[in-house]
PDB file of N, CA and C in Angstrom:
ATOM      1  N   UNK A   1     -70.323 -50.562  49.627  1.00  0.00           N
ATOM      2  CA  UNK A   1     -71.396 -51.206  49.904  1.00  0.00           C
ATOM      3  C   UNK A   1     -72.060 -51.786  51.647  1.00  0.00           C
ATOM      4  N   UNK A   2     -71.071 -52.290  52.123  1.00  0.00           N
ATOM      5  CA  UNK A   2     -71.263 -52.044  53.504  1.00  0.00           C
ATOM      6  C   UNK A   2     -71.401 -50.732  54.033  1.00  0.00           C
ATOM      7  N   UNK A   3     -70.783 -49.957  53.852  1.00  0.00           N
ATOM      8  CA  UNK A   3     -70.821 -48.485  54.719  1.00  0.00           C
ATOM      9  C   UNK A   3     -72.219 -47.863  54.271  1.00  0.00           C
ATOM     10  N   UNK A   4     -72.889 -48.347  53.271  1.00  0.00           N
ATOM     11  CA  UNK A   4     -74.230 -47.732  52.852  1.00  0.00           C
ATOM     12  C   UNK A   4     -75.103 -48.113  53.791  1.00  0.00           C
ATOM     13  N   UNK A   5     -74.912 -49.868  53.995  1.00  0.00           N
ATOM     14  CA  UNK A   5     -75.870 -50.237  54.785  1.00  0.00           C
ATOM     15  C   UNK A   5     -75.733 -49.941  56.187  1.00  0.00           C
ATOM     16  N   UNK A   6     -74.676 -49.833  56.569  1.00  0.00           N
ATOM     17  CA  UNK A   6     -74.358 -49.108  57.934  1.00  0.00           C
ATOM     18  C   UNK A   6     -75.301 -47.662  58.104  1.00  0.00           C
ATOM     19  N   UNK A   7     -74.852 -46.870  56.753  1.00  0.00           N
ATOM     20  CA  UNK A   7     -75.035 -45.470  56.977  1.00  0.00           C
ATOM     21  C   UNK A   7     -76.839 -45.368  56.880  1.00  0.00           C
ATOM     22  N   UNK A   8     -77.729 -46.513  56.092  1.00  0.00           N
ATOM     23  CA  UNK A   8     -79.098 -46.447  56.791  1.00  0.00           C
ATOM     24  C   UNK A   8     -79.252 -46.893  57.568  1.00  0.00           C
ATOM     25  N   UNK A   9     -78.728 -47.939  58.123  1.00  0.00           N
ATOM     26  CA  UNK A   9     -79.346 -48.674  59.360  1.00  0.00           C
ATOM     27  C   UNK A   9     -78.701 -47.608  60.323  1.00  0.00           C
ATOM     28  N   UNK A  10     -77.900 -46.292  60.412  1.00  0.00           N
ATOM     29  CA  UNK A  10     -78.025 -45.458  61.377  1.00  0.00           C
ATOM     30  C   UNK A  10     -78.872 -44.362  61.671  1.00  0.00           C
ATOM     31  N   UNK A  11     -79.050 -44.236  60.131  1.00  0.00           N
ATOM     32  CA  UNK A  11     -79.798 -43.114  60.091  1.00  0.00           C
ATOM     33  C   UNK A  11     -81.323 -43.577  61.145  1.00  0.00           C
ATOM     34  N   UNK A  12     -81.745 -44.892  60.742  1.00  0.00           N
ATOM     35  CA  UNK A  12     -82.835 -45.710  61.086  1.00  0.00           C
ATOM     36  C   UNK A  12     -82.676 -45.200  62.487  1.00  0.00           C
ATOM     37  N   UNK A  13     -81.232 -46.033  63.675  1.00  0.00           N
ATOM     38  CA  UNK A  13     -81.342 -46.021  65.156  1.00  0.00           C
ATOM     39  C   UNK A  13     -81.245 -44.396  65.339  1.00  0.00           C
ATOM     40  N   UNK A  14     -80.706 -43.577  64.822  1.00  0.00           N
ATOM     41  CA  UNK A  14     -80.865 -42.087  65.353  1.00  0.00           C
ATOM     42  C   UNK A  14     -82.305 -41.698  65.320  1.00  0.00           C
ATOM     43  N   UNK A  15     -82.999 -42.532  64.395  1.00  0.00           N
ATOM     44  CA  UNK A  15     -84.642 -41.836  64.305  1.00  0.00           C
ATOM     45  C   UNK A  15     -85.390 -42.346  65.126  1.00  0.00           C
ATOM     46  N   UNK A  16     -85.174 -43.537  65.682  1.00  0.00           N
ATOM     47  CA  UNK A  16     -85.389 -44.269  66.842  1.00  0.00           C
ATOM     48  C   UNK A  16     -85.218 -43.808  67.951  1.00  0.00           C
ATOM     49  N   UNK A  17     -84.120 -43.430  68.010  1.00  0.00           N
ATOM     50  CA  UNK A  17     -83.584 -43.057  69.276  1.00  0.00           C
ATOM     51  C   UNK A  17     -84.082 -41.726  69.528  1.00  0.00           C
ATOM     52  N   UNK A  18     -84.293 -40.892  68.839  1.00  0.00           N
ATOM     53  CA  UNK A  18     -85.044 -39.354  69.241  1.00  0.00           C
ATOM     54  C   UNK A  18     -86.133 -39.746  69.678  1.00  0.00           C
ATOM     55  N   UNK A  19     -87.039 -40.411  68.377  1.00  0.00           N
ATOM     56  CA  UNK A  19     -88.226 -41.079  69.147  1.00  0.00           C
ATOM     57  C   UNK A  19     -88.672 -41.440  70.243  1.00  0.00           C
ATOM     58  N   UNK A  20     -87.904 -41.941  70.705  1.00  0.00           N
ATOM     59  CA  UNK A  20     -88.091 -42.833  72.100  1.00  0.00           C
ATOM     60  C   UNK A  20     -87.054 -41.860  73.107  1.00  0.00           C
ATOM     61  N   UNK A  21     -86.592 -40.891  72.962  1.00  0.00           N
ATOM     62  CA  UNK A  21     -86.049 -40.056  74.168  1.00  0.00           C
ATOM     63  C   UNK A  21     -87.330 -39.435  74.097  1.00  0.00           C
ATOM     64  N   UNK A  22     -87.936 -38.568  73.020  1.00  0.00           N
ATOM     65  CA  UNK A  22     -89.034 -37.815  73.161  1.00  0.00           C
ATOM     66  C   UNK A  22     -90.147 -38.416  73.482  1.00  0.00           C
ATOM     67  N   UNK A  23     -90.071 -39.826  73.774  1.00  0.00           N
ATOM     68  CA  UNK A  23     -91.967 -40.200  74.080  1.00  0.00           C
ATOM     69  C   UNK A  23     -92.122 -39.640  75.372  1.00  0.00           C
ATOM     70  N   UNK A  24     -91.287 -39.610  76.636  1.00  0.00           N
ATOM     71  CA  UNK A  24     -91.616 -39.456  77.997  1.00  0.00           C
ATOM     72  C   UNK A  24     -91.997 -40.583  78.570  1.00  0.00           C
ATOM     73  N   UNK A  25     -91.973 -41.369  78.369  1.00  0.00           N
ATOM     74  CA  UNK A  25     -92.063 -43.185  78.618  1.00  0.00           C
ATOM     75  C   UNK A  25     -90.947 -42.986  79.910  1.00  0.00           C
ATOM     76  N   UNK A  26     -91.544 -43.554  81.084  1.00  0.00           N
ATOM     77  CA  UNK A  26     -91.373 -43.655  82.558  1.00  0.00           C
ATOM     78  C   UNK A  26     -89.420 -44.297  82.796  1.00  0.00           C
ATOM     79  N   UNK A  27     -89.824 -45.184  82.048  1.00  0.00           N
ATOM     80  CA  UNK A  27     -88.263 -46.138  81.578  1.00  0.00           C
ATOM     81  C   UNK A  27     -87.058 -45.461  80.489  1.00  0.00           C
ATOM     82  N   UNK A  28     -87.743 -44.891  79.945  1.00  0.00           N
ATOM     83  CA  UNK A  28     -86.826 -43.980  79.272  1.00  0.00           C
ATOM     84  C   UNK A  28     -86.254 -42.973  79.919  1.00  0.00           C
ATOM     85  N   UNK A  29     -87.225 -42.335  80.434  1.00  0.00           N
ATOM     86  CA  UNK A  29     -86.505 -40.973  81.681  1.00  0.00           C
ATOM     87  C   UNK A  29     -86.008 -41.050  82.481  1.00  0.00           C
ATOM     88  N   UNK A  30     -86.272 -42.323  83.125  1.00  0.00           N
ATOM     89  CA  UNK A  30     -85.303 -43.072  83.593  1.00  0.00           C
ATOM     90  C   UNK A  30     -83.805 -43.095  83.470  1.00  0.00           C
ATOM     91  N   UNK A  31     -83.919 -44.169  82.518  1.00  0.00           N
ATOM     92  CA  UNK A  31     -82.447 -44.168  81.767  1.00  0.00           C
ATOM     93  C   UNK A  31     -82.015 -43.179  81.355  1.00  0.00           C
ATOM     94  N   UNK A  32     -82.679 -42.148  81.068  1.00  0.00           N
ATOM     95  CA  UNK A  32     -81.691 -40.769  80.362  1.00  0.00           C
ATOM     96  C   UNK A  32     -81.282 -39.958  81.638  1.00  0.00           C
ATOM     97  N   UNK A  33     -82.002 -39.969  82.452  1.00  0.00           N
ATOM     98  CA  UNK A  33     -81.140 -39.580  83.887  1.00  0.00           C
ATOM     99  C   UNK A  33     -79.769 -40.061  84.064  1.00  0.00           C
ATOM    100  N   UNK A  34     -80.046 -41.625  83.895  1.00  0.00           N
ATOM    101  CA  UNK A  34     -78.981 -42.144  84.603  1.00  0.00           C
ATOM    102  C   UNK A  34     -77.500 -42.262  83.337  1.00  0.00           C
ATOM    103  N   UNK A  35     -77.697 -41.509  82.171  1.00  0.00           N
ATOM    104  CA  UNK A  35     -76.968 -41.452  80.711  1.00  0.00           C
ATOM    105  C   UNK A  35     -76.529 -39.897  81.367  1.00  0.00           C
ATOM    106  N   UNK A  36     -77.303 -38.774  81.412  1.00  0.00           N
ATOM    107  CA  UNK A  36     -76.669 -37.391  82.018  1.00  0.00           C
ATOM    108  C   UNK A  36     -75.883 -37.498  82.786  1.00  0.00           C
ATOM    109  N   UNK A  37     -76.169 -38.280  84.335  1.00  0.00           N
ATOM    110  CA  UNK A  37     -75.440 -38.603  85.472  1.00  0.00           C
ATOM    111  C   UNK A  37     -73.719 -38.684  85.071  1.00  0.00           C
ATOM    112  N   UNK A  38     -73.696 -39.667  83.902  1.00  0.00           N
ATOM    113  CA  UNK A  38     -72.364 -40.080  83.347  1.00  0.00           C
ATOM    114  C   UNK A  38     -71.775 -39.920  82.555  1.00  0.00           C
ATOM    115  N   UNK A  39     -72.275 -39.207  81.193  1.00  0.00           N
ATOM    116  CA  UNK A  39     -72.548 -39.068  79.751  1.00  0.00           C
ATOM    117  C   UNK A  39     -72.404 -37.248  79.635  1.00  0.00           C
ATOM    118  N   UNK A  40     -73.292 -36.207  80.214  1.00  0.00           N
ATOM    119  CA  UNK A  40     -73.262 -35.311  79.939  1.00  0.00           C
ATOM    120  C   UNK A  40     -75.070 -35.480  79.347  1.00  0.00           C
ATOM    121  N   UNK A  41     -75.468 -34.415  78.819  1.00  0.00           N
ATOM    122  CA  UNK A  41     -77.100 -34.171  78.596  1.00  0.00           C
ATOM    123  C   UNK A  41     -77.030 -34.783  77.175  1.00  0.00           C
ATOM    124  N   UNK A  42     -75.994 -35.033  76.549  1.00  0.00           N
ATOM    125  CA  UNK A  42     -76.196 -35.891  74.701  1.00  0.00           C
ATOM    126  C   UNK A  42     -75.462 -37.009  74.931  1.00  0.00           C
ATOM    127  N   UNK A  43     -75.139 -37.793  76.273  1.00  0.00           N
ATOM    128  CA  UNK A  43     -74.380 -39.039  76.193  1.00  0.00           C
ATOM    129  C   UNK A  43     -74.953 -39.977  75.318  1.00  0.00           C
ATOM    130  N   UNK A  44     -76.649 -40.447  75.692  1.00  0.00           N
ATOM    131  CA  UNK A  44     -76.949 -41.606  74.754  1.00  0.00           C
ATOM    132  C   UNK A  44     -76.711 -41.253  72.891  1.00  0.00           C
ATOM    133  N   UNK A  45     -76.709 -39.993  72.727  1.00  0.00           N
ATOM    134  CA  UNK A  45     -76.410 -39.858  71.034  1.00  0.00           C
ATOM    135  C   UNK A  45     -74.924 -39.871  70.780  1.00  0.00           C
ATOM    136  N   UNK A  46     -74.089 -39.611  72.081  1.00  0.00           N
ATOM    137  CA  UNK A  46     -72.561 -39.839  71.925  1.00  0.00           C
ATOM    138  C   UNK A  46     -72.198 -41.192  71.554  1.00  0.00           C
ATOM    139  N   UNK A  47     -73.071 -42.049  72.197  1.00  0.00           N
ATOM    140  CA  UNK A  47     -72.702 -43.772  72.322  1.00  0.00           C
ATOM    141  C   UNK A  47     -73.394 -43.746  70.956  1.00  0.00           C
ATOM    142  N   UNK A  48     -74.568 -43.618  70.724  1.00  0.00           N
ATOM    143  CA  UNK A  48     -75.037 -43.955  69.075  1.00  0.00           C
ATOM    144  C   UNK A  48     -73.916 -43.834  67.979  1.00  0.00           C
ATOM    145  N   UNK A  49     -73.462 -42.638  68.484  1.00  0.00           N
ATOM    146  CA  UNK A  49     -72.382 -42.104  66.837  1.00  0.00           C
ATOM    147  C   UNK A  49     -71.704 -42.951  67.131  1.00  0.00           C
ATOM    148  N   UNK A  50     -70.538 -43.554  68.247  1.00  0.00           N
ATOM    149  CA  UNK A  50     -69.693 -43.782  68.445  1.00  0.00           C
ATOM    150  C   UNK A  50     -69.824 -45.522  67.807  1.00  0.00           C
ATOM    151  N   UNK A  51     -70.981 -46.006  68.043  1.00  0.00           N
ATOM    152  CA  UNK A  51     -71.102 -47.147  67.856  1.00  0.00           C
ATOM    153  C   UNK A  51     -71.652 -47.826  65.801  1.00  0.00           C
ATOM    154  N   UNK A  52     -71.912 -46.412  65.198  1.00  0.00           N
ATOM    155  CA  UNK A  52     -71.953 -46.415  64.267  1.00  0.00           C
ATOM    156  C   UNK A  52     -70.461 -46.069  63.612  1.00  0.00           C
ATOM    157  N   UNK A  53     -69.456 -45.174  64.371  1.00  0.00           N
ATOM    158  CA  UNK A  53     -68.649 -44.715  63.524  1.00  0.00           C
ATOM    159  C   UNK A  53     -67.816 -45.936  63.680  1.00  0.00           C
ATOM    160  N   UNK A  54     -67.777 -46.835  65.008  1.00  0.00           N
ATOM    161  CA  UNK A  54     -67.181 -48.279  64.989  1.00  0.00           C
ATOM    162  C   UNK A  54     -67.316 -49.434  63.931  1.00  0.00           C
ATOM    163  N   UNK A  55     -68.761 -49.531  63.902  1.00  0.00           N
ATOM    164  CA  UNK A  55     -69.564 -50.167  62.805  1.00  0.00           C
ATOM    165  C   UNK A  55     -68.749 -49.657  61.054  1.00  0.00           C
ATOM    166  N   UNK A  56     -68.850 -48.305  61.403  1.00  0.00           N
ATOM    167  CA  UNK A  56     -68.297 -48.103  59.911  1.00  0.00           C
ATOM    168  C   UNK A  56     -66.875 -47.840  59.423  1.00  0.00           C
ATOM    169  N   UNK A  57     -66.034 -47.846  60.672  1.00  0.00           N
ATOM    170  CA  UNK A  57     -64.512 -48.544  60.438  1.00  0.00           C
ATOM    171  C   UNK A  57     -64.301 -50.064  60.312  1.00  0.00           C
ATOM    172  N   UNK A  58     -64.994 -50.582  60.963  1.00  0.00           N
ATOM    173  CA  UNK A  58     -64.687 -51.977  60.715  1.00  0.00           C
ATOM    174  C   UNK A  58     -65.192 -52.271  59.626  1.00  0.00           C
ATOM    175  N   UNK A  59     -66.579 -52.013  58.764  1.00  0.00           N
ATOM    176  CA  UNK A  59     -67.075 -52.483  57.576  1.00  0.00           C
ATOM    177  C   UNK A  59     -66.297 -51.851  56.354  1.00  0.00           C
ATOM    178  N   UNK A  60     -65.624 -51.043  56.657  1.00  0.00           N
ATOM    179  CA  UNK A  60     -64.272 -50.079  55.916  1.00  0.00           C
ATOM    180  C   UNK A  60     -63.463 -51.072  55.384  1.00  0.00           C
ATOM    181  N   UNK A  61     -62.613 -51.519  56.911  1.00  0.00           N
ATOM    182  CA  UNK A  61     -61.660 -52.742  56.762  1.00  0.00           C
ATOM    183  C   UNK A  61     -62.310 -53.728  56.358  1.00  0.00           C
ATOM    184  N   UNK A  62     -63.728 -54.072  55.412  1.00  0.00           N
ATOM    185  CA  UNK A  62     -64.160 -55.670  54.998  1.00  0.00           C
ATOM    186  C   UNK A  62     -64.651 -56.343  55.624  1.00  0.00           C
ATOM    187  N   UNK A  63     -64.888 -56.036  57.007  1.00  0.00           N
ATOM    188  CA  UNK A  63     -65.846 -56.864  57.864  1.00  0.00           C
ATOM    189  C   UNK A  63     -67.254 -57.177  57.398  1.00  0.00           C
ATOM    190  N   UNK A  64     -67.436 -58.226  56.918  1.00  0.00           N
ATOM    191  CA  UNK A  64     -68.838 -58.425  57.405  1.00  0.00           C
ATOM    192  C   UNK A  64     -69.768 -58.850  58.160  1.00  0.00           C
ATOM    193  N   UNK A  65     -68.977 -59.134  59.428  1.00  0.00           N
ATOM    194  CA  UNK A  65     -69.453 -59.489  60.623  1.00  0.00           C
ATOM    195  C   UNK A  65     -70.436 -58.169  61.219  1.00  0.00           C
ATOM    196  N   UNK A  66     -69.319 -56.761  60.820  1.00  0.00           N
ATOM    197  CA  UNK A  66     -69.301 -55.554  61.619  1.00  0.00           C
ATOM    198  C   UNK A  66     -71.166 -55.145  61.282  1.00  0.00           C
ATOM    199  N   UNK A  67     -71.401 -55.469  59.764  1.00  0.00           N
ATOM    200  CA  UNK A  67     -72.741 -55.057  59.115  1.00  0.00           C
ATOM    201  C   UNK A  67     -73.459 -56.205  59.824  1.00  0.00           C
ATOM    202  N   UNK A  68     -73.338 -57.425  59.991  1.00  0.00           N
ATOM    203  CA  UNK A  68     -74.341 -58.055  60.700  1.00  0.00           C
ATOM    204  C   UNK A  68     -74.869 -58.041  61.995  1.00  0.00           C
ATOM    205  N   UNK A  69     -73.447 -57.340  62.947  1.00  0.00           N
ATOM    206  CA  UNK A  69     -73.957 -56.898  63.959  1.00  0.00           C
ATOM    207  C   UNK A  69     -74.560 -55.323  64.269  1.00  0.00           C
ATOM    208  N   UNK A  70     -74.363 -54.462  63.531  1.00  0.00           N
ATOM    209  CA  UNK A  70     -75.122 -53.816  63.352  1.00  0.00           C
ATOM    210  C   UNK A  70     -76.262 -53.859  62.767  1.00  0.00           C
ATOM    211  N   UNK A  71     -76.684 -54.410  61.766  1.00  0.00           N
ATOM    212  CA  UNK A  71     -77.993 -54.792  61.312  1.00  0.00           C
ATOM    213  C   UNK A  71     -79.171 -55.378  62.369  1.00  0.00           C
ATOM    214  N   UNK A  72     -77.909 -55.989  63.338  1.00  0.00           N
ATOM    215  CA  UNK A  72     -78.707 -56.793  64.549  1.00  0.00           C
ATOM    216  C   UNK A  72     -78.880 -56.209  65.232  1.00  0.00           C
ATOM    217  N   UNK A  73     -78.273 -54.957  65.681  1.00  0.00           N
ATOM    218  CA  UNK A  73     -78.670 -53.915  66.899  1.00  0.00           C
ATOM    219  C   UNK A  73     -79.688 -52.966  66.241  1.00  0.00           C
ATOM    220  N   UNK A  74     -79.682 -52.844  64.934  1.00  0.00           N
ATOM    221  CA  UNK A  74     -80.681 -52.051  64.733  1.00  0.00           C
ATOM    222  C   UNK A  74     -82.388 -53.180  64.506  1.00  0.00           C
ATOM    223  N   UNK A  75     -81.956 -54.326  64.471  1.00  0.00           N
ATOM    224  CA  UNK A  75     -83.339 -54.750  64.658  1.00  0.00           C
ATOM    225  C   UNK A  75     -83.671 -54.655  65.921  1.00  0.00           C
ATOM    226  N   UNK A  76     -82.645 -54.372  66.989  1.00  0.00           N
ATOM    227  CA  UNK A  76     -83.073 -54.703  68.334  1.00  0.00           C
ATOM    228  C   UNK A  76     -83.656 -53.201  68.852  1.00  0.00           C
ATOM    229  N   UNK A  77     -82.943 -52.638  68.495  1.00  0.00           N
ATOM    230  CA  UNK A  77     -83.513 -50.982  68.563  1.00  0.00           C
ATOM    231  C   UNK A  77     -85.657 -50.929  67.744  1.00  0.00           C
ATOM    232  N   UNK A  78     -85.642 -51.761  67.233  1.00  0.00           N
ATOM    233  CA  UNK A  78     -86.727 -51.859  66.011  1.00  0.00           C
ATOM    234  C   UNK A  78     -87.604 -52.154  67.306  1.00  0.00           C
ATOM    235  N   UNK A  79     -87.638 -53.082  67.764  1.00  0.00           N
ATOM    236  CA  UNK A  79     -88.213 -54.176  68.654  1.00  0.00           C
ATOM    237  C   UNK A  79     -88.542 -53.254  70.182  1.00  0.00           C
ATOM    238  N   UNK A  80     -87.527 -52.744  70.320  1.00  0.00           N
ATOM    239  CA  UNK A  80     -87.647 -51.746  71.676  1.00  0.00           C
ATOM    240  C   UNK A  80     -88.786 -50.702  71.271  1.00  0.00           C
ATOM    241  N   UNK A  81     -88.180 -50.092  70.162  1.00  0.00           N
ATOM    242  CA  UNK A  81     -89.170 -48.915  69.654  1.00  0.00           C
ATOM    243  C   UNK A  81     -90.296 -49.394  69.596  1.00  0.00           C
ATOM    244  N   UNK A  82     -91.135 -50.536  69.009  1.00  0.00           N
ATOM    245  CA  UNK A  82     -92.011 -51.100  68.921  1.00  0.00           C
ATOM    246  C   UNK A  82     -92.798 -51.632  70.301  1.00  0.00           C
ATOM    247  N   UNK A  83     -92.073 -51.906  70.851  1.00  0.00           N
ATOM    248  CA  UNK A  83     -92.498 -52.532  72.524  1.00  0.00           C
ATOM    249  C   UNK A  83     -93.056 -51.193  73.111  1.00  0.00           C
ATOM    250  N   UNK A  84     -91.882 -50.121  73.118  1.00  0.00           N
ATOM    251  CA  UNK A  84     -92.655 -48.882  73.653  1.00  0.00           C
ATOM    252  C   UNK A  84     -93.556 -47.984  73.437  1.00  0.00           C
ATOM    253  N   UNK A  85     -93.974 -48.227  72.060  1.00  0.00           N
ATOM    254  CA  UNK A  85     -94.941 -47.603  71.376  1.00  0.00           C
ATOM    255  C   UNK A  85     -96.143 -47.967  71.354  1.00  0.00           C
ATOM    256  N   UNK A  86     -96.442 -49.345  71.148  1.00  0.00           N
ATOM    257  CA  UNK A  86     -97.275 -50.174  70.890  1.00  0.00           C
ATOM    258  C   UNK A  86     -98.063 -51.186  71.738  1.00  0.00           C
ATOM    259  N   UNK A  87     -97.027 -51.255  72.960  1.00  0.00           N
ATOM    260  CA  UNK A  87     -97.190 -51.812  73.988  1.00  0.00           C
ATOM    261  C   UNK A  87     -97.965 -50.756  74.928  1.00  0.00           C
ATOM    262  N   UNK A  88     -99.270 -51.043  74.997  1.00  0.00           N
ATOM    263  CA  UNK A  88    -100.137 -49.966  75.953  1.00  0.00           C
ATOM    264  C   UNK A  88    -100.873 -50.562  77.332  1.00  0.00           C
ATOM    265  N   UNK A  89     -99.980 -51.033  77.751  1.00  0.00           N
ATOM    266  CA  UNK A  89    -100.435 -51.995  79.102  1.00  0.00           C
ATOM    267  C   UNK A  89    -100.275 -51.494  80.298  1.00  0.00           C
TER     268      UNK A  89
END
């Protein structure tokens, strides 16, 4: 069950990640440039993927804290996406 919850959160995280990268917001464009210099053109996706895999590995070991931390991370991504898309000031 833990892995399934993390998997669903991961789908949401990747969807929000893609939407934020395609938004062309100045802050995202600057962050994307920094990631490209350090990790290559898909560096932010790689980082997101490794976080998902790590959370799933820990969840497979029966660690409820992995589910809690990844869920909190997903909520933080939701909050960031909300601010990015709905704050028009």
